[in-house]
Structure formats: C-alpha cells, structure tokens
C-alpha cells in the first residue's frame, strides 16, 4: 500500500473526501515527524510507538577497498508495534 492507497482507504472508511483525507494523512505524518524532531515519543495505544534511537559513531570498512572509514553518530526513527497491532496481524 502506498500513500495514495492509504488516502483512498481513509476516505472510504471515514466518509471524508479524498482531499480531506489527504490533508488528514499529511497532518498525522507532519505531527509525528515534528514530535520526533523535538525529541518526543509518540505513543498510540494499541497501535505502537514512534521514537528516536541514537546510534553511536563507529568504524567501518569500505567493502570495495577495505580501507577504514568513520561512520558518524546519527539519530534513527524507530517504530515498535503495540499489542493490538501485533494481535491483528497474527489473527488473534
């Protein structure tokens, strides 16, 4: 499912127009992104949690040349599925 499919499905389930559904989907994505950028965690009970994990700097190797390279520290978005989502996916 891509974003257009998601917007169509939201419109179908909610009774909103596709234009309003797209605004709603975009709004949810923007709100989650802003919260993560601000260092917050987003918890949606029964669905899951979005958070930011910090990766430490490390040393790696260029696979082609074998030379050592420094991999800088970074922040990675992370999603943990909630109990309700896990049960829905597993048919319980």
PDB file of N, CA and C in Angstrom:
ATOM      1  N   UNK A   1       0.853  -1.175   0.000  1.00  0.00           N
ATOM      2  CA  UNK A   1       0.000   0.000   0.000  1.00  0.00           C
ATOM      3  C   UNK A   1       0.899   1.239   0.000  1.00  0.00           C
ATOM      4  N   UNK A   2       0.627   2.152  -0.922  1.00  0.00           N
ATOM      5  CA  UNK A   2       1.367   3.407  -0.952  1.00  0.00           C
ATOM      6  C   UNK A   2       0.495   4.519  -0.363  1.00  0.00           C
ATOM      7  N   UNK A   3       1.006   5.748  -0.373  1.00  0.00           N
ATOM      8  CA  UNK A   3       0.278   6.854   0.245  1.00  0.00           C
ATOM      9  C   UNK A   3      -1.077   7.091  -0.429  1.00  0.00           C
ATOM     10  N   UNK A   4      -1.142   7.030  -1.745  1.00  0.00           N
ATOM     11  CA  UNK A   4      -2.407   7.245  -2.460  1.00  0.00           C
ATOM     12  C   UNK A   4      -3.435   6.181  -2.061  1.00  0.00           C
ATOM     13  N   UNK A   5      -2.986   4.928  -1.917  1.00  0.00           N
ATOM     14  CA  UNK A   5      -3.880   3.853  -1.482  1.00  0.00           C
ATOM     15  C   UNK A   5      -4.370   4.110  -0.060  1.00  0.00           C
ATOM     16  N   UNK A   6      -3.472   4.580   0.797  1.00  0.00           N
ATOM     17  CA  UNK A   6      -3.834   4.885   2.173  1.00  0.00           C
ATOM     18  C   UNK A   6      -4.875   6.001   2.227  1.00  0.00           C
ATOM     19  N   UNK A   7      -4.657   7.055   1.450  1.00  0.00           N
ATOM     20  CA  UNK A   7      -5.609   8.176   1.402  1.00  0.00           C
ATOM     21  C   UNK A   7      -6.975   7.685   0.925  1.00  0.00           C
ATOM     22  N   UNK A   8      -7.004   6.858  -0.101  1.00  0.00           N
ATOM     23  CA  UNK A   8      -8.271   6.315  -0.614  1.00  0.00           C
ATOM     24  C   UNK A   8      -8.979   5.480   0.448  1.00  0.00           C
ATOM     25  N   UNK A   9      -8.221   4.669   1.152  1.00  0.00           N
ATOM     26  CA  UNK A   9      -8.812   3.808   2.194  1.00  0.00           C
ATOM     27  C   UNK A   9      -9.350   4.643   3.351  1.00  0.00           C
ATOM     28  N   UNK A  10      -8.610   5.672   3.768  1.00  0.00           N
ATOM     29  CA  UNK A  10      -9.073   6.560   4.843  1.00  0.00           C
ATOM     30  C   UNK A  10     -10.363   7.256   4.409  1.00  0.00           C
ATOM     31  N   UNK A  11     -10.411   7.715   3.174  1.00  0.00           N
ATOM     32  CA  UNK A  11     -11.623   8.367   2.660  1.00  0.00           C
ATOM     33  C   UNK A  11     -12.813   7.408   2.697  1.00  0.00           C
ATOM     34  N   UNK A  12     -12.572   6.181   2.293  1.00  0.00           N
ATOM     35  CA  UNK A  12     -13.623   5.169   2.260  1.00  0.00           C
ATOM     36  C   UNK A  12     -14.134   4.844   3.669  1.00  0.00           C
ATOM     37  N   UNK A  13     -13.213   4.682   4.621  1.00  0.00           N
ATOM     38  CA  UNK A  13     -13.591   4.292   5.982  1.00  0.00           C
ATOM     39  C   UNK A  13     -14.200   5.440   6.790  1.00  0.00           C
ATOM     40  N   UNK A  14     -13.770   6.669   6.505  1.00  0.00           N
ATOM     41  CA  UNK A  14     -14.204   7.805   7.319  1.00  0.00           C
ATOM     42  C   UNK A  14     -15.370   8.577   6.727  1.00  0.00           C
ATOM     43  N   UNK A  15     -15.606   8.415   5.437  1.00  0.00           N
ATOM     44  CA  UNK A  15     -16.652   9.182   4.780  1.00  0.00           C
ATOM     45  C   UNK A  15     -16.197  10.575   4.375  1.00  0.00           C
ATOM     46  N   UNK A  16     -14.910  10.859   4.533  1.00  0.00           N
ATOM     47  CA  UNK A  16     -14.346  12.145   4.103  1.00  0.00           C
ATOM     48  C   UNK A  16     -14.066  12.111   2.606  1.00  0.00           C
ATOM     49  N   UNK A  17     -13.883  13.280   2.030  1.00  0.00           N
ATOM     50  CA  UNK A  17     -13.465  13.330   0.631  1.00  0.00           C
ATOM     51  C   UNK A  17     -12.003  12.918   0.561  1.00  0.00           C
ATOM     52  N   UNK A  18     -11.549  12.583  -0.637  1.00  0.00           N
ATOM     53  CA  UNK A  18     -10.133  12.232  -0.788  1.00  0.00           C
ATOM     54  C   UNK A  18      -9.241  13.413  -0.445  1.00  0.00           C
ATOM     55  N   UNK A  19      -9.649  14.627  -0.799  1.00  0.00           N
ATOM     56  CA  UNK A  19      -8.848  15.818  -0.495  1.00  0.00           C
ATOM     57  C   UNK A  19      -8.720  15.999   1.014  1.00  0.00           C
ATOM     58  N   UNK A  20      -9.826  15.850   1.736  1.00  0.00           N
ATOM     59  CA  UNK A  20      -9.780  15.978   3.195  1.00  0.00           C
ATOM     60  C   UNK A  20      -8.986  14.838   3.820  1.00  0.00           C
ATOM     61  N   UNK A  21      -9.120  13.656   3.271  1.00  0.00           N
ATOM     62  CA  UNK A  21      -8.366  12.508   3.779  1.00  0.00           C
ATOM     63  C   UNK A  21      -6.871  12.703   3.578  1.00  0.00           C
ATOM     64  N   UNK A  22      -6.500  13.267   2.433  1.00  0.00           N
ATOM     65  CA  UNK A  22      -5.082  13.515   2.186  1.00  0.00           C
ATOM     66  C   UNK A  22      -4.536  14.537   3.176  1.00  0.00           C
ATOM     67  N   UNK A  23      -5.327  15.576   3.460  1.00  0.00           N
ATOM     68  CA  UNK A  23      -4.908  16.575   4.462  1.00  0.00           C
ATOM     69  C   UNK A  23      -4.747  15.913   5.831  1.00  0.00           C
ATOM     70  N   UNK A  24      -5.654  15.026   6.173  1.00  0.00           N
ATOM     71  CA  UNK A  24      -5.586  14.339   7.461  1.00  0.00           C
ATOM     72  C   UNK A  24      -4.351  13.442   7.547  1.00  0.00           C
ATOM     73  N   UNK A  25      -4.103  12.664   6.516  1.00  0.00           N
ATOM     74  CA  UNK A  25      -2.935  11.775   6.493  1.00  0.00           C
ATOM     75  C   UNK A  25      -1.645  12.604   6.559  1.00  0.00           C
ATOM     76  N   UNK A  26      -1.567  13.663   5.751  1.00  0.00           N
ATOM     77  CA  UNK A  26      -0.388  14.537   5.781  1.00  0.00           C
ATOM     78  C   UNK A  26      -0.203  15.156   7.163  1.00  0.00           C
ATOM     79  N   UNK A  27      -1.312  15.555   7.788  1.00  0.00           N
ATOM     80  CA  UNK A  27      -1.254  16.150   9.117  1.00  0.00           C
ATOM     81  C   UNK A  27      -0.714  15.178  10.159  1.00  0.00           C
ATOM     82  N   UNK A  28      -1.140  13.933  10.080  1.00  0.00           N
ATOM     83  CA  UNK A  28      -0.643  12.917  11.013  1.00  0.00           C
ATOM     84  C   UNK A  28       0.861  12.712  10.817  1.00  0.00           C
ATOM     85  N   UNK A  29       1.284  12.593   9.558  1.00  0.00           N
ATOM     86  CA  UNK A  29       2.710  12.406   9.282  1.00  0.00           C
ATOM     87  C   UNK A  29       3.529  13.594   9.779  1.00  0.00           C
ATOM     88  N   UNK A  30       3.039  14.808   9.534  1.00  0.00           N
ATOM     89  CA  UNK A  30       3.754  16.011   9.969  1.00  0.00           C
ATOM     90  C   UNK A  30       3.824  16.091  11.488  1.00  0.00           C
ATOM     91  N   UNK A  31       2.737  15.735  12.166  1.00  0.00           N
ATOM     92  CA  UNK A  31       2.717  15.786  13.627  1.00  0.00           C
ATOM     93  C   UNK A  31       3.701  14.782  14.225  1.00  0.00           C
ATOM     94  N   UNK A  32       3.741  13.575  13.682  1.00  0.00           N
ATOM     95  CA  UNK A  32       4.679  12.563  14.171  1.00  0.00           C
ATOM     96  C   UNK A  32       6.112  13.005  13.917  1.00  0.00           C
ATOM     97  N   UNK A  33       6.382  13.513  12.717  1.00  0.00           N
ATOM     98  CA  UNK A  33       7.729  13.974  12.372  1.00  0.00           C
ATOM     99  C   UNK A  33       8.170  15.102  13.291  1.00  0.00           C
ATOM    100  N   UNK A  34       7.292  16.089  13.525  1.00  0.00           N
ATOM    101  CA  UNK A  34       7.630  17.223  14.388  1.00  0.00           C
ATOM    102  C   UNK A  34       7.910  16.761  15.815  1.00  0.00           C
ATOM    103  N   UNK A  35       7.118  15.827  16.312  1.00  0.00           N
ATOM    104  CA  UNK A  35       7.327  15.326  17.671  1.00  0.00           C
ATOM    105  C   UNK A  35       8.679  14.622  17.784  1.00  0.00           C
ATOM    106  N   UNK A  36       9.009  13.792  16.802  1.00  0.00           N
ATOM    107  CA  UNK A  36      10.290  13.081  16.835  1.00  0.00           C
ATOM    108  C   UNK A  36      11.462  14.044  16.713  1.00  0.00           C
ATOM    109  N   UNK A  37      11.326  15.065  15.846  1.00  0.00           N
ATOM    110  CA  UNK A  37      12.388  16.070  15.703  1.00  0.00           C
ATOM    111  C   UNK A  37      12.597  16.822  17.010  1.00  0.00           C
ATOM    112  N   UNK A  38      11.505  17.025  17.762  1.00  0.00           N
ATOM    113  CA  UNK A  38      11.582  17.731  19.033  1.00  0.00           C
ATOM    114  C   UNK A  38      12.040  16.855  20.189  1.00  0.00           C
ATOM    115  N   UNK A  39      12.337  15.595  19.918  1.00  0.00           N
ATOM    116  CA  UNK A  39      12.835  14.700  20.955  1.00  0.00           C
ATOM    117  C   UNK A  39      11.743  13.964  21.712  1.00  0.00           C
ATOM    118  N   UNK A  40      10.496  14.103  21.285  1.00  0.00           N
ATOM    119  CA  UNK A  40       9.382  13.423  21.953  1.00  0.00           C
ATOM    120  C   UNK A  40       9.160  12.034  21.360  1.00  0.00           C
ATOM    121  N   UNK A  41       8.420  11.238  22.101  1.00  0.00           N
ATOM    122  CA  UNK A  41       7.993   9.927  21.636  1.00  0.00           C
ATOM    123  C   UNK A  41       6.499  10.023  21.354  1.00  0.00           C
ATOM    124  N   UNK A  42       6.023   9.315  20.339  1.00  0.00           N
ATOM    125  CA  UNK A  42       4.599   9.306  20.006  1.00  0.00           C
ATOM    126  C   UNK A  42       4.064   7.913  20.310  1.00  0.00           C
ATOM    127  N   UNK A  43       3.141   7.831  21.281  1.00  0.00           N
ATOM    128  CA  UNK A  43       2.561   6.547  21.675  1.00  0.00           C
ATOM    129  C   UNK A  43       1.102   6.502  21.262  1.00  0.00           C
ATOM    130  N   UNK A  44       0.748   5.540  20.468  1.00  0.00           N
ATOM    131  CA  UNK A  44      -0.626   5.329  20.038  1.00  0.00           C
ATOM    132  C   UNK A  44      -1.068   3.989  20.622  1.00  0.00           C
ATOM    133  N   UNK A  45      -1.804   4.046  21.734  1.00  0.00           N
ATOM    134  CA  UNK A  45      -2.179   2.846  22.473  1.00  0.00           C
ATOM    135  C   UNK A  45      -2.886   1.856  21.549  1.00  0.00           C
ATOM    136  N   UNK A  46      -2.428   0.622  21.574  1.00  0.00           N
ATOM    137  CA  UNK A  46      -2.998  -0.435  20.751  1.00  0.00           C
ATOM    138  C   UNK A  46      -2.395  -0.519  19.357  1.00  0.00           C
ATOM    139  N   UNK A  47      -1.708   0.540  18.935  1.00  0.00           N
ATOM    140  CA  UNK A  47      -1.104   0.541  17.599  1.00  0.00           C
ATOM    141  C   UNK A  47       0.406   0.413  17.688  1.00  0.00           C
ATOM    142  N   UNK A  48       1.061   1.337  18.406  1.00  0.00           N
ATOM    143  CA  UNK A  48       2.509   1.270  18.545  1.00  0.00           C
ATOM    144  C   UNK A  48       3.100   2.596  18.962  1.00  0.00           C
ATOM    145  N   UNK A  49       4.421   2.621  19.044  1.00  0.00           N
ATOM    146  CA  UNK A  49       5.142   3.804  19.482  1.00  0.00           C
ATOM    147  C   UNK A  49       6.222   4.176  18.477  1.00  0.00           C
ATOM    148  N   UNK A  50       6.315   5.474  18.209  1.00  0.00           N
ATOM    149  CA  UNK A  50       7.387   6.018  17.391  1.00  0.00           C
ATOM    150  C   UNK A  50       8.377   6.689  18.335  1.00  0.00           C
ATOM    151  N   UNK A  51       9.657   6.449  18.144  1.00  0.00           N
ATOM    152  CA  UNK A  51      10.678   7.076  18.979  1.00  0.00           C
ATOM    153  C   UNK A  51      11.931   7.302  18.145  1.00  0.00           C
ATOM    154  N   UNK A  52      12.926   7.910  18.781  1.00  0.00           N
ATOM    155  CA  UNK A  52      14.197   8.160  18.115  1.00  0.00           C
ATOM    156  C   UNK A  52      15.286   7.412  18.874  1.00  0.00           C
ATOM    157  N   UNK A  53      16.064   6.620  18.163  1.00  0.00           N
ATOM    158  CA  UNK A  53      17.190   5.894  18.750  1.00  0.00           C
ATOM    159  C   UNK A  53      18.480   6.563  18.294  1.00  0.00           C
ATOM    160  N   UNK A  54      19.432   6.673  19.204  1.00  0.00           N
ATOM    161  CA  UNK A  54      20.721   7.286  18.876  1.00  0.00           C
ATOM    162  C   UNK A  54      21.728   6.192  18.572  1.00  0.00           C
ATOM    163  N   UNK A  55      22.378   6.311  17.433  1.00  0.00           N
ATOM    164  CA  UNK A  55      23.437   5.374  17.062  1.00  0.00           C
ATOM    165  C   UNK A  55      24.775   6.038  17.340  1.00  0.00           C
ATOM    166  N   UNK A  56      25.630   5.353  18.032  1.00  0.00           N
ATOM    167  CA  UNK A  56      26.958   5.887  18.335  1.00  0.00           C
ATOM    168  C   UNK A  56      27.830   5.873  17.087  1.00  0.00           C
ATOM    169  N   UNK A  57      28.835   6.732  17.083  1.00  0.00           N
ATOM    170  CA  UNK A  57      29.809   6.730  15.988  1.00  0.00           C
ATOM    171  C   UNK A  57      30.536   5.385  16.015  1.00  0.00           C
ATOM    172  N   UNK A  58      30.903   4.915  14.849  1.00  0.00           N
ATOM    173  CA  UNK A  58      31.614   3.637  14.776  1.00  0.00           C
ATOM    174  C   UNK A  58      32.602   3.654  13.624  1.00  0.00           C
ATOM    175  N   UNK A  59      33.389   2.607  13.565  1.00  0.00           N
ATOM    176  CA  UNK A  59      34.365   2.478  12.490  1.00  0.00           C
ATOM    177  C   UNK A  59      33.900   1.354  11.574  1.00  0.00           C
ATOM    178  N   UNK A  60      33.934   1.597  10.287  1.00  0.00           N
ATOM    179  CA  UNK A  60      33.538   0.593   9.320  1.00  0.00           C
ATOM    180  C   UNK A  60      34.618   0.404   8.276  1.00  0.00           C
ATOM    181  N   UNK A  61      34.328  -0.407   7.293  1.00  0.00           N
ATOM    182  CA  UNK A  61      35.276  -0.637   6.198  1.00  0.00           C
ATOM    183  C   UNK A  61      34.562  -0.461   4.875  1.00  0.00           C
ATOM    184  N   UNK A  62      35.261   0.160   3.947  1.00  0.00           N
ATOM    185  CA  UNK A  62      34.750   0.277   2.582  1.00  0.00           C
ATOM    186  C   UNK A  62      34.841  -1.120   1.977  1.00  0.00           C
ATOM    187  N   UNK A  63      33.717  -1.702   1.554  1.00  0.00           N
ATOM    188  CA  UNK A  63      33.764  -3.081   1.049  1.00  0.00           C
ATOM    189  C   UNK A  63      34.588  -3.254  -0.224  1.00  0.00           C
ATOM    190  N   UNK A  64      34.708  -2.183  -0.994  1.00  0.00           N
ATOM    191  CA  UNK A  64      35.458  -2.282  -2.240  1.00  0.00           C
ATOM    192  C   UNK A  64      36.962  -2.224  -2.017  1.00  0.00           C
ATOM    193  N   UNK A  65      37.389  -1.286  -1.177  1.00  0.00           N
ATOM    194  CA  UNK A  65      38.830  -1.075  -0.999  1.00  0.00           C
ATOM    195  C   UNK A  65      39.361  -1.667   0.290  1.00  0.00           C
ATOM    196  N   UNK A  66      38.470  -1.914   1.257  1.00  0.00           N
ATOM    197  CA  UNK A  66      38.910  -2.446   2.541  1.00  0.00           C
ATOM    198  C   UNK A  66      39.436  -1.382   3.483  1.00  0.00           C
ATOM    199  N   UNK A  67      39.472  -0.114   3.046  1.00  0.00           N
ATOM    200  CA  UNK A  67      40.004   0.938   3.928  1.00  0.00           C
ATOM    201  C   UNK A  67      39.022   1.260   5.041  1.00  0.00           C
ATOM    202  N   UNK A  68      39.563   1.669   6.191  1.00  0.00           N
ATOM    203  CA  UNK A  68      38.738   2.009   7.335  1.00  0.00           C
ATOM    204  C   UNK A  68      38.094   3.377   7.116  1.00  0.00           C
ATOM    205  N   UNK A  69      36.827   3.479   7.529  1.00  0.00           N
ATOM    206  CA  UNK A  69      36.130   4.762   7.442  1.00  0.00           C
ATOM    207  C   UNK A  69      35.399   5.013   8.765  1.00  0.00           C
ATOM    208  N   UNK A  70      35.212   6.276   9.095  1.00  0.00           N
ATOM    209  CA  UNK A  70      34.481   6.656  10.293  1.00  0.00           C
ATOM    210  C   UNK A  70      33.010   6.835   9.933  1.00  0.00           C
ATOM    211  N   UNK A  71      32.143   6.185  10.668  1.00  0.00           N
ATOM    212  CA  UNK A  71      30.706   6.346  10.486  1.00  0.00           C
ATOM    213  C   UNK A  71      30.239   7.258  11.621  1.00  0.00           C
ATOM    214  N   UNK A  72      29.715   8.449  11.284  1.00  0.00           N
ATOM    215  CA  UNK A  72      29.345   9.403  12.334  1.00  0.00           C
ATOM    216  C   UNK A  72      28.123   8.949  13.131  1.00  0.00           C
ATOM    217  N   UNK A  73      27.982   9.482  14.332  1.00  0.00           N
ATOM    218  CA  UNK A  73      26.808   9.219  15.155  1.00  0.00           C
ATOM    219  C   UNK A  73      25.580   9.771  14.429  1.00  0.00           C
ATOM    220  N   UNK A  74      24.434   9.143  14.635  1.00  0.00           N
ATOM    221  CA  UNK A  74      23.214   9.610  13.983  1.00  0.00           C
ATOM    222  C   UNK A  74      22.000   9.234  14.823  1.00  0.00           C
ATOM    223  N   UNK A  75      20.880   9.826  14.465  1.00  0.00           N
ATOM    224  CA  UNK A  75      19.613   9.504  15.103  1.00  0.00           C
ATOM    225  C   UNK A  75      18.753   8.770  14.082  1.00  0.00           C
ATOM    226  N   UNK A  76      18.093   7.703  14.524  1.00  0.00           N
ATOM    227  CA  UNK A  76      17.282   6.886  13.641  1.00  0.00           C
ATOM    228  C   UNK A  76      15.860   6.809  14.173  1.00  0.00           C
ATOM    229  N   UNK A  77      14.846   7.039  13.325  1.00  0.00           N
ATOM    230  CA  UNK A  77      13.476   6.843  13.777  1.00  0.00           C
ATOM    231  C   UNK A  77      13.213   5.350  13.982  1.00  0.00           C
ATOM    232  N   UNK A  78      12.391   5.047  14.984  1.00  0.00           N
ATOM    233  CA  UNK A  78      12.146   3.658  15.340  1.00  0.00           C
ATOM    234  C   UNK A  78      10.647   3.486  15.607  1.00  0.00           C
ATOM    235  N   UNK A  79      10.094   2.360  15.204  1.00  0.00           N
ATOM    236  CA  UNK A  79       8.684   2.047  15.472  1.00  0.00           C
ATOM    237  C   UNK A  79       8.602   0.708  16.179  1.00  0.00           C
ATOM    238  N   UNK A  80       7.850   0.675  17.267  1.00  0.00           N
ATOM    239  CA  UNK A  80       7.597  -0.569  17.982  1.00  0.00           C
ATOM    240  C   UNK A  80       6.106  -0.835  17.938  1.00  0.00           C
ATOM    241  N   UNK A  81       5.713  -1.963  17.387  1.00  0.00           N
ATOM    242  CA  UNK A  81       4.299  -2.306  17.270  1.00  0.00           C
ATOM    243  C   UNK A  81       3.701  -2.581  18.644  1.00  0.00           C
ATOM    244  N   UNK A  82       2.469  -2.132  18.837  1.00  0.00           N
ATOM    245  CA  UNK A  82       1.749  -2.365  20.078  1.00  0.00           C
ATOM    246  C   UNK A  82       1.041  -3.707  20.066  1.00  0.00           C
ATOM    247  N   UNK A  83       0.522  -4.075  21.224  1.00  0.00           N
ATOM    248  CA  UNK A  83      -0.139  -5.367  21.383  1.00  0.00           C
ATOM    249  C   UNK A  83      -1.319  -5.536  20.421  1.00  0.00           C
ATOM    250  N   UNK A  84      -2.147  -4.502  20.280  1.00  0.00           N
ATOM    251  CA  UNK A  84      -3.318  -4.594  19.407  1.00  0.00           C
ATOM    252  C   UNK A  84      -2.936  -4.838  17.960  1.00  0.00           C
ATOM    253  N   UNK A  85      -1.907  -4.147  17.489  1.00  0.00           N
ATOM    254  CA  UNK A  85      -1.451  -4.316  16.096  1.00  0.00           C
ATOM    255  C   UNK A  85      -0.866  -5.701  15.894  1.00  0.00           C
ATOM    256  N   UNK A  86      -0.069  -6.159  16.846  1.00  0.00           N
ATOM    257  CA  UNK A  86       0.529  -7.496  16.746  1.00  0.00           C
ATOM    258  C   UNK A  86      -0.549  -8.572  16.686  1.00  0.00           C
ATOM    259  N   UNK A  87      -1.571  -8.415  17.549  1.00  0.00           N
ATOM    260  CA  UNK A  87      -2.645  -9.400  17.559  1.00  0.00           C
ATOM    261  C   UNK A  87      -3.449  -9.376  16.262  1.00  0.00           C
ATOM    262  N   UNK A  88      -3.686  -8.171  15.714  1.00  0.00           N
ATOM    263  CA  UNK A  88      -4.428  -8.050  14.459  1.00  0.00           C
ATOM    264  C   UNK A  88      -3.684  -8.715  13.309  1.00  0.00           C
ATOM    265  N   UNK A  89      -2.378  -8.528  13.269  1.00  0.00           N
ATOM    266  CA  UNK A  89      -1.559  -9.104  12.202  1.00  0.00           C
ATOM    267  C   UNK A  89      -1.495 -10.620  12.322  1.00  0.00           C
ATOM    268  N   UNK A  90      -1.477 -11.107  13.571  1.00  0.00           N
ATOM    269  CA  UNK A  90      -1.384 -12.543  13.797  1.00  0.00           C
ATOM    270  C   UNK A  90      -2.728 -13.249  13.859  1.00  0.00           C
ATOM    271  N   UNK A  91      -3.822 -12.506  13.593  1.00  0.00           N
ATOM    272  CA  UNK A  91      -5.147 -13.102  13.507  1.00  0.00           C
ATOM    273  C   UNK A  91      -5.736 -13.530  14.834  1.00  0.00           C
ATOM    274  N   UNK A  92      -5.382 -12.860  15.896  1.00  0.00           N
ATOM    275  CA  UNK A  92      -5.926 -13.243  17.220  1.00  0.00           C
ATOM    276  C   UNK A  92      -7.105 -12.401  17.583  1.00  0.00           C
TER     277      UNK A  92
END
